[in-house]
Amino acid sequence: MRICSLLPSATDIVMALGLGDSLVAVTHECDLPPGAAPVPVITSSRLPRHLASREIHNHVTASAHSGSSLYTLDQSLLERLAPDVILTQELCDVCAISYGEVATAVHRLDVSAPGPRTMLSLEPQTLGAILDSIVAVGRVCGVADRAAALVAGLRSRIERIADRAATVTRRPRVFAMEWLDPPYSAGHWVPEMVQLCGGRDELGRSGGFSEEVSWRQIADWDPEVLILMPCSFTLERTLDEAAGLAAPDGWSALTAVRSGRVYAVDASRYFSRSGPAVVDGLEILAAIIHPALVADVSVPPSWRRVDVATVAREGR
């Protein structure tokens, strides 16, 4: 079997199913486990490197208005590799190459290298749908039993957190910030994760797209826990962005800021991707919101309390 993965979460699923040796192509944003054999990279980004949050936002907005793509797909490499399974998505053109572009590329591939071929589009918007995606990948790749076992283990961990959170006596106000400048609320599965961990994020859109919010809205919600998780940013990059962020009026009055409960997480690995690691993200959220819930759980150290004094002066 020859698998081409066109989004990082699909690559994570393929690796978790023990199919790393079948991968023939991945995206420029995929990362393979240490020791894994290198795999050809088949996509690239048109975004300039080292942009700040506001600059990325402006480029993405301009691209959407012009109808242009943020990514390119190496058609000639695709034809040379001739995969028989192609994993893609049609949920978000900002996160990965669009389904339409992939469909066009696959049509050309079918002409140049005809043969049996499966294109599976993954577009989960909830935790349950993420688990269903793993099952779907396992099915088309011929390892349905492995997928079922993996999902059973992930579901057990989700239920453990949910059962424990059901016992908490108070659910703090949480704001999961999916972009820093301008601020965006969290969407898709993240608000659900916050709820499962015993928190409330009423600015988030469970099962829907994230959306821009104003600092006035954030101040009115007055989160007791503020979690910085800009889409696809690592922990280190998030901390760097936060340190250079000009704080808005009223920043120091937020309950989360006054109590020192502002955190940064590795969104790239644990929150932005709809793969198995999202359950690690759930445990990270539990460690932030209600630490006692996971006192006996080995939680990835991919989160950190933000020194609120490092956020630039107020007055923007």
Protein backbone atom coordinates (compact mmCIF):
# COMPACT_ATOMS: atom_id res chain seq x y z
CA MET A 1 0.00 0.00 0.00
CA ARG A 2 1.18 3.52 -0.85
CA ILE A 3 -0.34 6.28 1.28
CA CYS A 4 -0.14 10.02 0.57
CA SER A 5 -1.15 12.13 3.58
CA LEU A 6 -2.12 15.72 2.84
CA LEU A 7 -2.71 16.88 6.40
CA PRO A 8 -0.73 16.44 9.64
CA SER A 9 -3.57 14.80 11.56
CA ALA A 10 -3.88 12.10 8.89
CA THR A 11 -0.14 11.46 9.13
CA ASP A 12 -0.50 11.13 12.91
CA ILE A 13 -3.31 8.62 12.42
CA VAL A 14 -1.31 6.61 9.89
CA MET A 15 1.65 6.45 12.28
CA ALA A 16 -0.56 5.50 15.25
CA LEU A 17 -1.97 2.63 13.17
CA GLY A 18 1.54 1.30 12.54
CA LEU A 19 1.50 2.15 8.82
CA GLY A 20 4.53 4.41 8.70
CA ASP A 21 6.27 2.16 6.19
CA SER A 22 3.37 2.71 3.77
CA LEU A 23 3.68 6.51 3.75
CA VAL A 24 5.08 7.75 0.44
CA ALA A 25 4.29 11.49 0.82
CA VAL A 26 3.43 13.97 3.56
CA THR A 27 2.92 17.73 3.86
CA HIS A 28 5.47 20.36 4.83
CA GLU A 29 3.71 20.66 8.22
CA CYS A 30 3.79 16.96 9.10
CA ASP A 31 6.30 15.75 11.65
CA LEU A 32 7.29 12.12 11.96
CA PRO A 33 8.34 10.38 15.18
CA PRO A 34 12.04 10.29 16.03
CA GLY A 35 13.76 7.47 14.17
CA ALA A 36 11.12 7.23 11.46
CA ALA A 37 12.37 6.95 7.90
CA PRO A 38 12.18 10.23 5.94
CA VAL A 39 9.18 10.65 3.65
CA PRO A 40 9.00 12.94 0.59
CA VAL A 41 7.27 16.29 1.22
CA ILE A 42 4.65 16.99 -1.43
CA THR A 43 3.26 20.41 -0.41
CA SER A 44 4.65 23.85 0.35
CA SER A 45 3.27 27.10 1.75
CA ARG A 46 3.02 30.38 -0.13
CA LEU A 47 3.12 32.33 3.13
CA PRO A 48 6.39 34.14 3.84
CA ARG A 49 8.29 32.70 6.78
CA HIS A 50 8.52 34.23 10.26
CA LEU A 51 5.35 36.32 10.08
CA ALA A 52 3.68 37.60 13.23
CA SER A 53 0.04 36.73 14.01
CA ARG A 54 -1.39 39.94 12.56
CA GLU A 55 0.63 39.54 9.35
CA ILE A 56 -0.51 35.93 8.92
CA HIS A 57 -4.11 37.03 9.47
CA ASN A 58 -3.77 39.72 6.80
CA HIS A 59 -2.26 37.28 4.28
CA VAL A 60 -4.98 34.68 4.93
CA THR A 61 -7.72 37.29 4.58
CA ALA A 62 -6.26 38.59 1.31
CA SER A 63 -5.95 35.04 -0.03
CA ALA A 64 -9.58 34.30 0.81
CA HIS A 65 -10.77 37.46 -0.89
CA SER A 66 -8.75 36.79 -4.04
CA GLY A 67 -9.66 33.11 -4.21
CA SER A 68 -6.00 32.07 -4.26
CA SER A 69 -4.52 29.15 -2.34
CA LEU A 70 -2.08 29.33 0.54
CA TYR A 71 -0.47 26.04 -0.50
CA THR A 72 0.98 24.29 -3.53
CA LEU A 73 0.94 20.60 -4.39
CA ASP A 74 3.79 19.03 -6.35
CA GLN A 75 1.85 17.38 -9.16
CA SER A 76 4.90 15.81 -10.79
CA LEU A 77 5.96 14.20 -7.50
CA LEU A 78 2.42 12.93 -6.96
CA GLU A 79 2.50 11.28 -10.38
CA ARG A 80 5.90 9.70 -9.76
CA LEU A 81 4.83 8.31 -6.40
CA ALA A 82 1.42 7.12 -7.67
CA PRO A 83 -0.18 6.49 -4.25
CA ASP A 84 -3.21 4.24 -4.02
CA VAL A 85 -4.61 5.93 -0.89
CA ILE A 86 -4.76 9.73 -0.59
CA LEU A 87 -5.87 11.26 2.71
CA THR A 88 -7.11 14.84 2.45
CA GLN A 89 -9.68 17.24 3.93
CA GLU A 90 -12.37 19.75 2.94
CA LEU A 91 -12.95 21.36 6.32
CA CYS A 92 -10.59 24.34 6.20
CA ASP A 93 -8.61 25.82 3.31
CA VAL A 94 -6.48 27.76 5.81
CA CYS A 95 -5.21 24.62 7.55
CA ALA A 96 -4.31 22.49 4.53
CA ILE A 97 -4.48 22.32 0.77
CA SER A 98 -8.08 22.52 -0.45
CA TYR A 99 -10.14 19.51 -1.41
CA GLY A 100 -10.80 21.00 -4.84
CA GLU A 101 -7.10 21.29 -5.63
CA VAL A 102 -6.50 17.73 -4.46
CA ALA A 103 -9.42 16.41 -6.53
CA THR A 104 -8.01 18.11 -9.63
CA ALA A 105 -4.55 16.69 -8.95
CA VAL A 106 -5.97 13.19 -8.43
CA HIS A 107 -7.92 13.43 -11.70
CA ARG A 108 -4.67 14.21 -13.51
CA LEU A 109 -3.01 11.35 -11.66
CA ASP A 110 -5.75 8.95 -12.74
CA VAL A 111 -5.02 9.89 -16.35
CA SER A 112 -1.24 9.54 -16.10
CA ALA A 113 -1.20 6.52 -13.77
CA PRO A 114 -4.55 4.73 -13.92
CA GLY A 115 -5.35 2.09 -11.34
CA PRO A 116 -7.41 1.47 -8.19
CA ARG A 117 -7.17 4.52 -5.96
CA THR A 118 -8.99 5.77 -2.85
CA MET A 119 -9.27 9.43 -1.86
CA LEU A 120 -10.59 9.82 1.69
CA SER A 121 -11.60 13.27 2.90
CA LEU A 122 -11.53 13.83 6.66
CA GLU A 123 -13.49 16.73 8.16
CA PRO A 124 -14.25 16.02 11.83
CA GLN A 125 -15.69 18.83 13.93
CA THR A 126 -16.14 17.02 17.25
CA LEU A 127 -14.18 14.55 19.36
CA GLY A 128 -16.51 11.76 18.33
CA ALA A 129 -15.97 12.59 14.68
CA ILE A 130 -12.19 12.51 15.22
CA LEU A 131 -12.53 8.96 16.51
CA ASP A 132 -14.70 8.12 13.50
CA SER A 133 -11.94 9.48 11.22
CA ILE A 134 -9.46 7.07 12.75
CA VAL A 135 -11.87 4.21 12.07
CA ALA A 136 -12.31 5.39 8.48
CA VAL A 137 -8.57 5.55 7.84
CA GLY A 138 -8.14 2.10 9.34
CA ARG A 139 -10.86 0.73 7.11
CA VAL A 140 -9.50 2.08 3.80
CA CYS A 141 -5.98 1.03 4.77
CA GLY A 142 -6.99 -2.51 5.64
CA VAL A 143 -6.28 -2.32 9.39
CA ALA A 144 -9.80 -1.96 10.79
CA ASP A 145 -9.00 -4.06 13.87
CA ARG A 146 -6.02 -1.85 14.78
CA ALA A 147 -8.15 1.25 14.37
CA ALA A 148 -10.88 -0.18 16.58
CA ALA A 149 -8.36 -0.97 19.33
CA LEU A 150 -6.79 2.49 19.09
CA VAL A 151 -10.19 4.19 19.29
CA ALA A 152 -11.23 2.06 22.26
CA GLY A 153 -8.16 3.20 24.18
CA LEU A 154 -8.70 6.86 23.28
CA ARG A 155 -12.40 6.68 24.17
CA SER A 156 -11.53 5.20 27.57
CA ARG A 157 -9.20 8.12 28.32
CA ILE A 158 -11.86 10.64 27.26
CA GLU A 159 -14.44 8.97 29.49
CA ARG A 160 -12.01 8.96 32.43
CA ILE A 161 -11.65 12.75 32.22
CA ALA A 162 -15.37 13.31 31.67
CA ASP A 163 -16.34 11.09 34.61
CA ARG A 164 -13.93 12.84 36.94
CA ALA A 165 -14.98 16.32 35.76
CA ALA A 166 -18.61 15.44 36.44
CA THR A 167 -17.75 15.52 40.15
CA VAL A 168 -16.38 19.09 40.26
CA THR A 169 -18.45 21.54 42.27
CA ARG A 170 -17.57 24.61 40.21
CA ARG A 171 -16.87 25.15 36.52
CA PRO A 172 -14.60 28.17 35.97
CA ARG A 173 -15.00 30.58 33.05
CA VAL A 174 -12.42 29.66 30.40
CA PHE A 175 -11.39 31.38 27.20
CA ALA A 176 -9.43 29.25 24.74
CA MET A 177 -7.87 31.79 22.34
CA GLU A 178 -7.31 30.20 18.93
CA TRP A 179 -5.58 33.27 17.50
CA LEU A 180 -3.83 36.12 19.30
CA ASP A 181 -3.88 39.10 16.95
CA PRO A 182 -6.70 39.64 16.27
CA PRO A 183 -8.20 37.43 18.97
CA TYR A 184 -10.27 34.46 17.85
CA SER A 185 -12.42 32.14 19.90
CA ALA A 186 -11.89 28.39 19.68
CA GLY A 187 -14.05 26.25 17.43
CA HIS A 188 -14.70 22.67 16.41
CA TRP A 189 -13.74 20.24 19.18
CA VAL A 190 -11.95 22.61 21.59
CA PRO A 191 -15.03 24.04 23.40
CA GLU A 192 -16.21 20.46 23.84
CA MET A 193 -12.85 19.60 25.37
CA VAL A 194 -13.11 22.51 27.79
CA GLN A 195 -16.56 21.34 28.87
CA LEU A 196 -15.39 17.74 29.33
CA CYS A 197 -12.61 19.04 31.59
CA GLY A 198 -15.01 20.88 33.88
CA GLY A 199 -14.77 24.38 32.42
CA ARG A 200 -17.07 26.77 30.52
CA ASP A 201 -16.10 28.61 27.34
CA GLU A 202 -19.16 30.52 26.17
CA LEU A 203 -17.16 32.46 23.58
CA GLY A 204 -16.21 29.25 21.78
CA ARG A 205 -18.24 27.63 18.99
CA SER A 206 -18.53 23.92 19.65
CA GLY A 207 -18.65 22.02 16.37
CA GLY A 208 -18.29 25.23 14.33
CA PHE A 209 -15.56 27.46 12.96
CA SER A 210 -13.61 29.76 15.24
CA GLU A 211 -14.49 33.44 14.87
CA GLU A 212 -12.95 36.81 15.58
CA VAL A 213 -13.98 38.35 18.90
CA SER A 214 -13.34 41.76 20.40
CA TRP A 215 -11.41 42.44 23.55
CA ARG A 216 -14.65 43.99 24.85
CA GLN A 217 -16.33 40.59 24.51
CA ILE A 218 -13.41 38.93 26.28
CA ALA A 219 -13.52 41.49 29.09
CA ASP A 220 -17.28 40.99 29.47
CA TRP A 221 -16.78 37.22 29.72
CA ASP A 222 -13.87 37.87 32.13
CA PRO A 223 -12.26 34.42 31.95
CA GLU A 224 -10.86 32.92 35.10
CA VAL A 225 -8.59 30.74 32.97
CA LEU A 226 -7.10 32.10 29.73
CA ILE A 227 -5.44 29.58 27.41
CA LEU A 228 -3.39 30.75 24.43
CA MET A 229 -3.57 28.17 21.65
CA PRO A 230 -3.05 29.92 18.29
CA CYS A 231 -3.82 27.46 15.51
CA SER A 232 -0.80 25.37 14.45
CA PHE A 233 1.65 27.24 16.73
CA THR A 234 4.10 25.35 18.91
CA LEU A 235 4.44 26.18 22.61
CA GLU A 236 7.67 28.09 21.99
CA ARG A 237 6.19 30.17 19.19
CA THR A 238 3.10 30.95 21.26
CA LEU A 239 5.25 32.17 24.14
CA ASP A 240 7.26 34.35 21.75
CA GLU A 241 4.07 35.82 20.27
CA ALA A 242 2.60 36.50 23.70
CA ALA A 243 5.76 38.28 24.79
CA GLY A 244 5.52 40.64 21.83
CA LEU A 245 1.78 41.22 22.07
CA ALA A 246 0.57 44.71 22.92
CA ALA A 247 -1.99 44.14 25.65
CA PRO A 248 -5.38 45.76 25.14
CA ASP A 249 -7.03 48.18 27.55
CA GLY A 250 -8.36 46.23 30.49
CA TRP A 251 -5.88 43.35 30.21
CA SER A 252 -4.70 43.70 33.82
CA ALA A 253 -8.30 43.70 35.06
CA LEU A 254 -9.06 40.23 33.69
CA THR A 255 -9.53 37.72 36.48
CA ALA A 256 -7.22 35.22 34.76
CA VAL A 257 -4.46 37.84 34.54
CA ARG A 258 -4.88 39.04 38.13
CA SER A 259 -4.76 35.47 39.46
CA GLY A 260 -1.89 34.36 37.22
CA ARG A 261 -3.96 31.78 35.36
CA VAL A 262 -2.86 32.54 31.80
CA TYR A 263 -1.35 29.57 30.01
CA ALA A 264 0.24 28.75 26.65
CA VAL A 265 -0.01 25.30 25.04
CA ASP A 266 1.42 23.44 22.06
CA ALA A 267 -1.60 23.89 19.80
CA SER A 268 0.18 22.44 16.77
CA ARG A 269 0.48 19.02 18.32
CA TYR A 270 -2.41 18.74 20.77
CA PHE A 271 -5.29 21.02 19.73
CA SER A 272 -5.19 22.05 16.06
CA ARG A 273 -4.89 18.51 14.69
CA SER A 274 -7.84 16.15 14.53
CA GLY A 275 -5.82 13.05 15.38
CA PRO A 276 -5.02 10.81 18.36
CA ALA A 277 -2.96 13.49 20.15
CA VAL A 278 -6.10 15.53 20.77
CA VAL A 279 -6.77 13.22 23.71
CA ASP A 280 -3.40 14.23 25.16
CA GLY A 281 -4.68 17.78 24.66
CA LEU A 282 -7.76 16.93 26.69
CA GLU A 283 -5.56 15.79 29.55
CA ILE A 284 -3.47 18.97 29.24
CA LEU A 285 -6.64 21.07 29.54
CA ALA A 286 -7.69 19.09 32.59
CA ALA A 287 -4.28 19.72 34.19
CA ILE A 288 -4.77 23.46 33.58
CA ILE A 289 -8.43 23.82 34.59
CA HIS A 290 -8.74 21.21 37.38
CA PRO A 291 -5.28 19.76 38.14
CA ALA A 292 -6.65 17.24 40.65
CA LEU A 293 -8.51 15.46 37.83
CA VAL A 294 -5.26 14.18 36.34
CA ALA A 295 -3.02 13.97 39.39
CA ASP A 296 -2.33 10.31 38.54
CA VAL A 297 -2.02 10.82 34.78
CA SER A 298 1.22 11.40 32.88
CA VAL A 299 0.37 14.64 31.04
CA PRO A 300 2.68 15.89 28.24
CA PRO A 301 4.75 18.85 29.50
CA SER A 302 3.70 20.91 26.49
CA TRP A 303 2.06 23.77 28.35
CA ARG A 304 3.33 26.59 30.51
CA ARG A 305 2.02 29.36 32.70
CA VAL A 306 2.55 32.73 30.99
CA ASP A 307 4.31 35.48 32.89
CA VAL A 308 1.66 38.15 32.34
CA ALA A 309 4.22 40.86 33.03
CA THR A 310 5.92 39.94 29.73
CA VAL A 311 2.88 41.00 27.72
CA ALA A 312 3.56 44.50 26.43
CA ARG A 313 2.02 47.60 28.00
CA GLU A 314 -1.67 48.29 27.74
CA GLY A 315 -3.22 50.88 25.50
CA ARG A 316 -3.50 49.43 22.01
